[in-house]
Amino acid sequence: MSGSAITTAPPLGPAGSTAHRALPGDHIRQNVIGAVASQSGGLFSLIVDGVDTDVFQFFLDELAKAVPKEDCVRQLIVLDNAS
């Protein structure tokens, strides 16, 4: 992961003002891979520098540890092909 520091302004300000975000000038490449439980709203996510087959497999392995299999409960993953 990149060690570049990013600072952000508060998202809300006085009427008519605009929030600004200072960027370090480098290309920022971070991806979020996540899964949300539709009924409970539980979230499992990883922030990574890029996604490939190995990273996605790591995500699936960690998700399986975080959400263990339950008898008679079907667990589905819907993929959206985001890039």
PDB file of N, CA and C in Angstrom:
ATOM      1  N   MET A   1       0.837  -1.177   0.000  1.00  0.00           N
ATOM      2  CA  MET A   1       0.000   0.000   0.000  1.00  0.00           C
ATOM      3  C   MET A   1       0.883   1.242   0.000  1.00  0.00           C
ATOM      4  N   SER A   2       0.366   2.266  -0.568  1.00  0.00           N
ATOM      5  CA  SER A   2       1.108   3.504  -0.677  1.00  0.00           C
ATOM      6  C   SER A   2       1.184   4.201   0.676  1.00  0.00           C
ATOM      7  N   GLY A   3       2.305   4.839   0.946  1.00  0.00           N
ATOM      8  CA  GLY A   3       2.468   5.554   2.198  1.00  0.00           C
ATOM      9  C   GLY A   3       2.117   7.022   2.085  1.00  0.00           C
ATOM     10  N   SER A   4       1.591   7.461   0.938  1.00  0.00           N
ATOM     11  CA  SER A   4       1.254   8.863   0.735  1.00  0.00           C
ATOM     12  C   SER A   4       0.138   9.289   1.671  1.00  0.00           C
ATOM     13  N   ALA A   5       0.313  10.428   2.279  1.00  0.00           N
ATOM     14  CA  ALA A   5      -0.710  10.953   3.177  1.00  0.00           C
ATOM     15  C   ALA A   5      -1.705  11.777   2.380  1.00  0.00           C
ATOM     16  N   ILE A   6      -2.961  11.610   2.662  1.00  0.00           N
ATOM     17  CA  ILE A   6      -4.011  12.377   2.013  1.00  0.00           C
ATOM     18  C   ILE A   6      -4.793  13.082   3.111  1.00  0.00           C
ATOM     19  N   THR A   7      -4.993  14.356   2.937  1.00  0.00           N
ATOM     20  CA  THR A   7      -5.783  15.092   3.916  1.00  0.00           C
ATOM     21  C   THR A   7      -7.094  15.498   3.260  1.00  0.00           C
ATOM     22  N   THR A   8      -8.135  15.535   4.044  1.00  0.00           N
ATOM     23  CA  THR A   8      -9.432  15.939   3.525  1.00  0.00           C
ATOM     24  C   THR A   8     -10.020  17.022   4.396  1.00  0.00           C
ATOM     25  N   ALA A   9     -10.772  17.885   3.763  1.00  0.00           N
ATOM     26  CA  ALA A   9     -11.500  18.919   4.487  1.00  0.00           C
ATOM     27  C   ALA A   9     -12.794  18.316   5.002  1.00  0.00           C
ATOM     28  N   PRO A  10     -13.386  18.904   6.020  1.00  0.00           N
ATOM     29  CA  PRO A  10     -14.687  18.408   6.471  1.00  0.00           C
ATOM     30  C   PRO A  10     -15.673  18.433   5.304  1.00  0.00           C
ATOM     31  N   PRO A  11     -16.547  17.439   5.203  1.00  0.00           N
ATOM     32  CA  PRO A  11     -17.452  17.379   4.063  1.00  0.00           C
ATOM     33  C   PRO A  11     -18.504  18.480   4.040  1.00  0.00           C
ATOM     34  N   LEU A  12     -18.829  19.043   5.186  1.00  0.00           N
ATOM     35  CA  LEU A  12     -19.831  20.102   5.237  1.00  0.00           C
ATOM     36  C   LEU A  12     -19.192  21.380   5.748  1.00  0.00           C
ATOM     37  N   GLY A  13     -19.608  22.488   5.209  1.00  0.00           N
ATOM     38  CA  GLY A  13     -19.075  23.773   5.640  1.00  0.00           C
ATOM     39  C   GLY A  13     -20.169  24.815   5.563  1.00  0.00           C
ATOM     40  N   PRO A  14     -19.782  26.061   5.729  1.00  0.00           N
ATOM     41  CA  PRO A  14     -20.775  27.134   5.650  1.00  0.00           C
ATOM     42  C   PRO A  14     -21.442  27.161   4.271  1.00  0.00           C
ATOM     43  N   ALA A  15     -22.643  27.673   4.229  1.00  0.00           N
ATOM     44  CA  ALA A  15     -23.376  27.776   2.967  1.00  0.00           C
ATOM     45  C   ALA A  15     -22.532  28.508   1.928  1.00  0.00           C
ATOM     46  N   GLY A  16     -22.479  27.960   0.729  1.00  0.00           N
ATOM     47  CA  GLY A  16     -21.727  28.582  -0.360  1.00  0.00           C
ATOM     48  C   GLY A  16     -20.272  28.163  -0.423  1.00  0.00           C
ATOM     49  N   SER A  17     -19.769  27.449   0.594  1.00  0.00           N
ATOM     50  CA  SER A  17     -18.374  27.032   0.567  1.00  0.00           C
ATOM     51  C   SER A  17     -18.242  25.691  -0.153  1.00  0.00           C
ATOM     52  N   THR A  18     -17.027  25.364  -0.567  1.00  0.00           N
ATOM     53  CA  THR A  18     -16.756  24.113  -1.256  1.00  0.00           C
ATOM     54  C   THR A  18     -15.673  23.363  -0.502  1.00  0.00           C
ATOM     55  N   ALA A  19     -15.899  22.079  -0.269  1.00  0.00           N
ATOM     56  CA  ALA A  19     -14.875  21.258   0.375  1.00  0.00           C
ATOM     57  C   ALA A  19     -13.776  20.955  -0.641  1.00  0.00           C
ATOM     58  N   HIS A  20     -12.531  20.981  -0.209  1.00  0.00           N
ATOM     59  CA  HIS A  20     -11.397  20.686  -1.079  1.00  0.00           C
ATOM     60  C   HIS A  20     -10.626  19.515  -0.505  1.00  0.00           C
ATOM     61  N   ARG A  21     -10.051  18.732  -1.388  1.00  0.00           N
ATOM     62  CA  ARG A  21      -9.236  17.600  -0.963  1.00  0.00           C
ATOM     63  C   ARG A  21      -7.843  17.795  -1.532  1.00  0.00           C
ATOM     64  N   ALA A  22      -6.856  17.808  -0.660  1.00  0.00           N
ATOM     65  CA  ALA A  22      -5.469  17.948  -1.101  1.00  0.00           C
ATOM     66  C   ALA A  22      -4.934  16.583  -1.505  1.00  0.00           C
ATOM     67  N   LEU A  23      -4.388  16.495  -2.709  1.00  0.00           N
ATOM     68  CA  LEU A  23      -3.835  15.237  -3.192  1.00  0.00           C
ATOM     69  C   LEU A  23      -2.316  15.346  -3.270  1.00  0.00           C
ATOM     70  N   PRO A  24      -1.611  14.243  -3.060  1.00  0.00           N
ATOM     71  CA  PRO A  24      -0.153  14.294  -3.065  1.00  0.00           C
ATOM     72  C   PRO A  24       0.454  14.468  -4.452  1.00  0.00           C
ATOM     73  N   GLY A  25      -0.339  14.417  -5.519  1.00  0.00           N
ATOM     74  CA  GLY A  25       0.187  14.583  -6.864  1.00  0.00           C
ATOM     75  C   GLY A  25       0.492  13.263  -7.554  1.00  0.00           C
ATOM     76  N   ASP A  26       0.457  12.170  -6.797  1.00  0.00           N
ATOM     77  CA  ASP A  26       0.676  10.850  -7.373  1.00  0.00           C
ATOM     78  C   ASP A  26      -0.670  10.256  -7.779  1.00  0.00           C
ATOM     79  N   HIS A  27      -0.600   9.302  -8.686  1.00  0.00           N
ATOM     80  CA  HIS A  27      -1.811   8.565  -9.033  1.00  0.00           C
ATOM     81  C   HIS A  27      -2.179   7.681  -7.847  1.00  0.00           C
ATOM     82  N   ILE A  28      -3.400   7.789  -7.390  1.00  0.00           N
ATOM     83  CA  ILE A  28      -3.848   6.994  -6.254  1.00  0.00           C
ATOM     84  C   ILE A  28      -4.581   5.783  -6.801  1.00  0.00           C
ATOM     85  N   ARG A  29      -4.074   4.609  -6.467  1.00  0.00           N
ATOM     86  CA  ARG A  29      -4.729   3.388  -6.925  1.00  0.00           C
ATOM     87  C   ARG A  29      -5.045   2.546  -5.702  1.00  0.00           C
ATOM     88  N   GLN A  30      -6.272   2.605  -5.289  1.00  0.00           N
ATOM     89  CA  GLN A  30      -6.745   1.744  -4.218  1.00  0.00           C
ATOM     90  C   GLN A  30      -8.098   1.194  -4.604  1.00  0.00           C
ATOM     91  N   ASN A  31      -8.288  -0.047  -4.317  1.00  0.00           N
ATOM     92  CA  ASN A  31      -9.548  -0.707  -4.598  1.00  0.00           C
ATOM     93  C   ASN A  31     -10.140  -1.211  -3.298  1.00  0.00           C
ATOM     94  N   VAL A  32     -11.437  -1.225  -3.233  1.00  0.00           N
ATOM     95  CA  VAL A  32     -12.139  -1.797  -2.094  1.00  0.00           C
ATOM     96  C   VAL A  32     -12.893  -3.024  -2.592  1.00  0.00           C
ATOM     97  N   ILE A  33     -12.651  -4.142  -1.942  1.00  0.00           N
ATOM     98  CA  ILE A  33     -13.385  -5.359  -2.225  1.00  0.00           C
ATOM     99  C   ILE A  33     -14.223  -5.616  -0.982  1.00  0.00           C
ATOM    100  N   GLY A  34     -15.510  -5.820  -1.159  1.00  0.00           N
ATOM    101  CA  GLY A  34     -16.337  -5.989   0.024  1.00  0.00           C
ATOM    102  C   GLY A  34     -17.525  -6.886  -0.200  1.00  0.00           C
ATOM    103  N   ALA A  35     -18.099  -7.310   0.897  1.00  0.00           N
ATOM    104  CA  ALA A  35     -19.312  -8.110   0.896  1.00  0.00           C
ATOM    105  C   ALA A  35     -20.212  -7.587   2.010  1.00  0.00           C
ATOM    106  N   VAL A  36     -21.497  -7.468   1.706  1.00  0.00           N
ATOM    107  CA  VAL A  36     -22.478  -6.987   2.679  1.00  0.00           C
ATOM    108  C   VAL A  36     -23.551  -8.050   2.853  1.00  0.00           C
ATOM    109  N   ALA A  37     -23.863  -8.344   4.101  1.00  0.00           N
ATOM    110  CA  ALA A  37     -24.964  -9.263   4.395  1.00  0.00           C
ATOM    111  C   ALA A  37     -26.272  -8.488   4.255  1.00  0.00           C
ATOM    112  N   SER A  38     -27.115  -8.902   3.326  1.00  0.00           N
ATOM    113  CA  SER A  38     -28.304  -8.115   2.998  1.00  0.00           C
ATOM    114  C   SER A  38     -29.293  -7.983   4.158  1.00  0.00           C
ATOM    115  N   GLN A  39     -29.417  -8.993   4.999  1.00  0.00           N
ATOM    116  CA  GLN A  39     -30.396  -8.915   6.086  1.00  0.00           C
ATOM    117  C   GLN A  39     -29.854  -8.207   7.322  1.00  0.00           C
ATOM    118  N   SER A  40     -28.587  -8.468   7.679  1.00  0.00           N
ATOM    119  CA  SER A  40     -28.040  -7.876   8.904  1.00  0.00           C
ATOM    120  C   SER A  40     -27.296  -6.572   8.646  1.00  0.00           C
ATOM    121  N   GLY A  41     -26.859  -6.363   7.409  1.00  0.00           N
ATOM    122  CA  GLY A  41     -26.064  -5.178   7.100  1.00  0.00           C
ATOM    123  C   GLY A  41     -24.604  -5.339   7.463  1.00  0.00           C
ATOM    124  N   GLY A  42     -24.209  -6.537   7.908  1.00  0.00           N
ATOM    125  CA  GLY A  42     -22.806  -6.788   8.240  1.00  0.00           C
ATOM    126  C   GLY A  42     -21.912  -6.578   7.033  1.00  0.00           C
ATOM    127  N   LEU A  43     -20.719  -6.060   7.264  1.00  0.00           N
ATOM    128  CA  LEU A  43     -19.789  -5.732   6.185  1.00  0.00           C
ATOM    129  C   LEU A  43     -18.446  -6.395   6.415  1.00  0.00           C
ATOM    130  N   PHE A  44     -17.878  -6.948   5.357  1.00  0.00           N
ATOM    131  CA  PHE A  44     -16.498  -7.434   5.353  1.00  0.00           C
ATOM    132  C   PHE A  44     -15.845  -6.807   4.146  1.00  0.00           C
ATOM    133  N   SER A  45     -14.703  -6.128   4.329  1.00  0.00           N
ATOM    134  CA  SER A  45     -14.053  -5.483   3.194  1.00  0.00           C
ATOM    135  C   SER A  45     -12.545  -5.453   3.366  1.00  0.00           C
ATOM    136  N   LEU A  46     -11.873  -5.320   2.236  1.00  0.00           N
ATOM    137  CA  LEU A  46     -10.423  -5.142   2.184  1.00  0.00           C
ATOM    138  C   LEU A  46     -10.128  -3.945   1.294  1.00  0.00           C
ATOM    139  N   ILE A  47      -9.109  -3.165   1.641  1.00  0.00           N
ATOM    140  CA  ILE A  47      -8.626  -2.088   0.787  1.00  0.00           C
ATOM    141  C   ILE A  47      -7.263  -2.526   0.279  1.00  0.00           C
ATOM    142  N   VAL A  48      -7.119  -2.575  -1.035  1.00  0.00           N
ATOM    143  CA  VAL A  48      -5.898  -3.097  -1.656  1.00  0.00           C
ATOM    144  C   VAL A  48      -5.419  -2.146  -2.744  1.00  0.00           C
ATOM    145  N   ASP A  49      -4.168  -2.332  -3.162  1.00  0.00           N
ATOM    146  CA  ASP A  49      -3.580  -1.479  -4.203  1.00  0.00           C
ATOM    147  C   ASP A  49      -3.989  -1.880  -5.614  1.00  0.00           C
ATOM    148  N   GLY A  50      -4.579  -3.000  -5.780  1.00  0.00           N
ATOM    149  CA  GLY A  50      -5.007  -3.474  -7.087  1.00  0.00           C
ATOM    150  C   GLY A  50      -5.603  -4.854  -6.913  1.00  0.00           C
ATOM    151  N   VAL A  51      -6.382  -5.288  -7.882  1.00  0.00           N
ATOM    152  CA  VAL A  51      -7.037  -6.580  -7.766  1.00  0.00           C
ATOM    153  C   VAL A  51      -6.628  -7.456  -8.946  1.00  0.00           C
ATOM    154  N   ASP A  52      -6.192  -8.641  -8.630  1.00  0.00           N
ATOM    155  CA  ASP A  52      -5.929  -9.658  -9.633  1.00  0.00           C
ATOM    156  C   ASP A  52      -6.467 -10.981  -9.080  1.00  0.00           C
ATOM    157  N   THR A  53      -6.187 -12.057  -9.756  1.00  0.00           N
ATOM    158  CA  THR A  53      -6.716 -13.353  -9.330  1.00  0.00           C
ATOM    159  C   THR A  53      -6.277 -13.717  -7.926  1.00  0.00           C
ATOM    160  N   ASP A  54      -4.995 -13.498  -7.607  1.00  0.00           N
ATOM    161  CA  ASP A  54      -4.484 -13.847  -6.277  1.00  0.00           C
ATOM    162  C   ASP A  54      -5.127 -13.010  -5.177  1.00  0.00           C
ATOM    163  N   VAL A  55      -5.297 -11.725  -5.425  1.00  0.00           N
ATOM    164  CA  VAL A  55      -5.913 -10.837  -4.428  1.00  0.00           C
ATOM    165  C   VAL A  55      -7.376 -11.229  -4.213  1.00  0.00           C
ATOM    166  N   PHE A  56      -8.083 -11.522  -5.296  1.00  0.00           N
ATOM    167  CA  PHE A  56      -9.487 -11.894  -5.142  1.00  0.00           C
ATOM    168  C   PHE A  56      -9.620 -13.224  -4.416  1.00  0.00           C
ATOM    169  N   GLN A  57      -8.720 -14.161  -4.687  1.00  0.00           N
ATOM    170  CA  GLN A  57      -8.755 -15.437  -3.965  1.00  0.00           C
ATOM    171  C   GLN A  57      -8.481 -15.220  -2.481  1.00  0.00           C
ATOM    172  N   PHE A  58      -7.538 -14.320  -2.160  1.00  0.00           N
ATOM    173  CA  PHE A  58      -7.258 -13.975  -0.763  1.00  0.00           C
ATOM    174  C   PHE A  58      -8.515 -13.411  -0.104  1.00  0.00           C
ATOM    175  N   PHE A  59      -9.222 -12.517  -0.820  1.00  0.00           N
ATOM    176  CA  PHE A  59     -10.466 -11.954  -0.299  1.00  0.00           C
ATOM    177  C   PHE A  59     -11.475 -13.065   0.004  1.00  0.00           C
ATOM    178  N   LEU A  60     -11.652 -13.991  -0.945  1.00  0.00           N
ATOM    179  CA  LEU A  60     -12.602 -15.083  -0.738  1.00  0.00           C
ATOM    180  C   LEU A  60     -12.211 -15.951   0.452  1.00  0.00           C
ATOM    181  N   ASP A  61     -10.918 -16.232   0.597  1.00  0.00           N
ATOM    182  CA  ASP A  61     -10.444 -17.040   1.726  1.00  0.00           C
ATOM    183  C   ASP A  61     -10.708 -16.334   3.055  1.00  0.00           C
ATOM    184  N   GLU A  62     -10.424 -15.039   3.115  1.00  0.00           N
ATOM    185  CA  GLU A  62     -10.639 -14.274   4.351  1.00  0.00           C
ATOM    186  C   GLU A  62     -12.131 -14.118   4.642  1.00  0.00           C
ATOM    187  N   LEU A  63     -12.933 -13.935   3.605  1.00  0.00           N
ATOM    188  CA  LEU A  63     -14.381 -13.846   3.791  1.00  0.00           C
ATOM    189  C   LEU A  63     -14.923 -15.158   4.360  1.00  0.00           C
ATOM    190  N   ALA A  64     -14.420 -16.275   3.861  1.00  0.00           N
ATOM    191  CA  ALA A  64     -14.863 -17.580   4.364  1.00  0.00           C
ATOM    192  C   ALA A  64     -14.515 -17.748   5.839  1.00  0.00           C
ATOM    193  N   LYS A  65     -13.377 -17.205   6.269  1.00  0.00           N
ATOM    194  CA  LYS A  65     -13.012 -17.264   7.695  1.00  0.00           C
ATOM    195  C   LYS A  65     -13.924 -16.360   8.534  1.00  0.00           C
ATOM    196  N   ALA A  66     -14.238 -15.171   7.995  1.00  0.00           N
ATOM    197  CA  ALA A  66     -15.025 -14.190   8.741  1.00  0.00           C
ATOM    198  C   ALA A  66     -16.503 -14.571   8.821  1.00  0.00           C
ATOM    199  N   VAL A  67     -16.983 -15.285   7.809  1.00  0.00           N
ATOM    200  CA  VAL A  67     -18.396 -15.689   7.757  1.00  0.00           C
ATOM    201  C   VAL A  67     -18.434 -17.198   7.595  1.00  0.00           C
ATOM    202  N   PRO A  68     -18.307 -17.917   8.696  1.00  0.00           N
ATOM    203  CA  PRO A  68     -18.249 -19.377   8.598  1.00  0.00           C
ATOM    204  C   PRO A  68     -19.559 -19.973   8.078  1.00  0.00           C
ATOM    205  N   LYS A  69     -19.439 -21.138   7.471  1.00  0.00           N
ATOM    206  CA  LYS A  69     -20.591 -21.847   6.927  1.00  0.00           C
ATOM    207  C   LYS A  69     -21.543 -22.254   8.046  1.00  0.00           C
ATOM    208  N   GLU A  70     -22.836 -22.098   7.780  1.00  0.00           N
ATOM    209  CA  GLU A  70     -23.879 -22.517   8.724  1.00  0.00           C
ATOM    210  C   GLU A  70     -24.735 -23.577   8.045  1.00  0.00           C
ATOM    211  N   ASP A  71     -25.158 -24.572   8.816  1.00  0.00           N
ATOM    212  CA  ASP A  71     -26.028 -25.604   8.270  1.00  0.00           C
ATOM    213  C   ASP A  71     -27.337 -24.995   7.779  1.00  0.00           C
ATOM    214  N   CYS A  72     -27.780 -25.455   6.626  1.00  0.00           N
ATOM    215  CA  CYS A  72     -29.063 -25.040   6.040  1.00  0.00           C
ATOM    216  C   CYS A  72     -29.142 -23.547   5.719  1.00  0.00           C
ATOM    217  N   VAL A  73     -28.009 -22.882   5.577  1.00  0.00           N
ATOM    218  CA  VAL A  73     -27.995 -21.464   5.204  1.00  0.00           C
ATOM    219  C   VAL A  73     -27.203 -21.332   3.908  1.00  0.00           C
ATOM    220  N   ARG A  74     -27.850 -20.802   2.880  1.00  0.00           N
ATOM    221  CA  ARG A  74     -27.191 -20.601   1.596  1.00  0.00           C
ATOM    222  C   ARG A  74     -26.484 -19.251   1.603  1.00  0.00           C
ATOM    223  N   GLN A  75     -25.232 -19.243   1.211  1.00  0.00           N
ATOM    224  CA  GLN A  75     -24.462 -18.007   1.120  1.00  0.00           C
ATOM    225  C   GLN A  75     -24.163 -17.747  -0.352  1.00  0.00           C
ATOM    226  N   LEU A  76     -24.571 -16.592  -0.836  1.00  0.00           N
ATOM    227  CA  LEU A  76     -24.381 -16.230  -2.232  1.00  0.00           C
ATOM    228  C   LEU A  76     -23.474 -15.017  -2.336  1.00  0.00           C
ATOM    229  N   ILE A  77     -22.697 -14.983  -3.392  1.00  0.00           N
ATOM    230  CA  ILE A  77     -21.886 -13.799  -3.697  1.00  0.00           C
ATOM    231  C   ILE A  77     -22.314 -13.325  -5.076  1.00  0.00           C
ATOM    232  N   VAL A  78     -22.684 -12.056  -5.161  1.00  0.00           N
ATOM    233  CA  VAL A  78     -23.064 -11.450  -6.437  1.00  0.00           C
ATOM    234  C   VAL A  78     -21.897 -10.573  -6.868  1.00  0.00           C
ATOM    235  N   LEU A  79     -21.362 -10.822  -8.051  1.00  0.00           N
ATOM    236  CA  LEU A  79     -20.240 -10.050  -8.570  1.00  0.00           C
ATOM    237  C   LEU A  79     -20.745  -9.027  -9.577  1.00  0.00           C
ATOM    238  N   ASP A  80     -20.204  -7.816  -9.522  1.00  0.00           N
ATOM    239  CA  ASP A  80     -20.690  -6.761 -10.424  1.00  0.00           C
ATOM    240  C   ASP A  80     -19.714  -6.424 -11.534  1.00  0.00           C
ATOM    241  N   ASN A  81     -18.589  -7.141 -11.650  1.00  0.00           N
ATOM    242  CA  ASN A  81     -17.615  -6.916 -12.720  1.00  0.00           C
ATOM    243  C   ASN A  81     -17.051  -5.500 -12.721  1.00  0.00           C
ATOM    244  N   ALA A  82     -16.951  -4.882 -11.550  1.00  0.00           N
ATOM    245  CA  ALA A  82     -16.361  -3.549 -11.459  1.00  0.00           C
ATOM    246  C   ALA A  82     -14.878  -3.636 -11.781  1.00  0.00           C
ATOM    247  N   SER A  83     -14.357  -2.559 -12.324  1.00  0.00           N
ATOM    248  CA  SER A  83     -12.922  -2.541 -12.640  1.00  0.00           C
ATOM    249  C   SER A  83     -12.270  -1.304 -12.090  1.00  0.00           C
TER     250      SER A  83
END
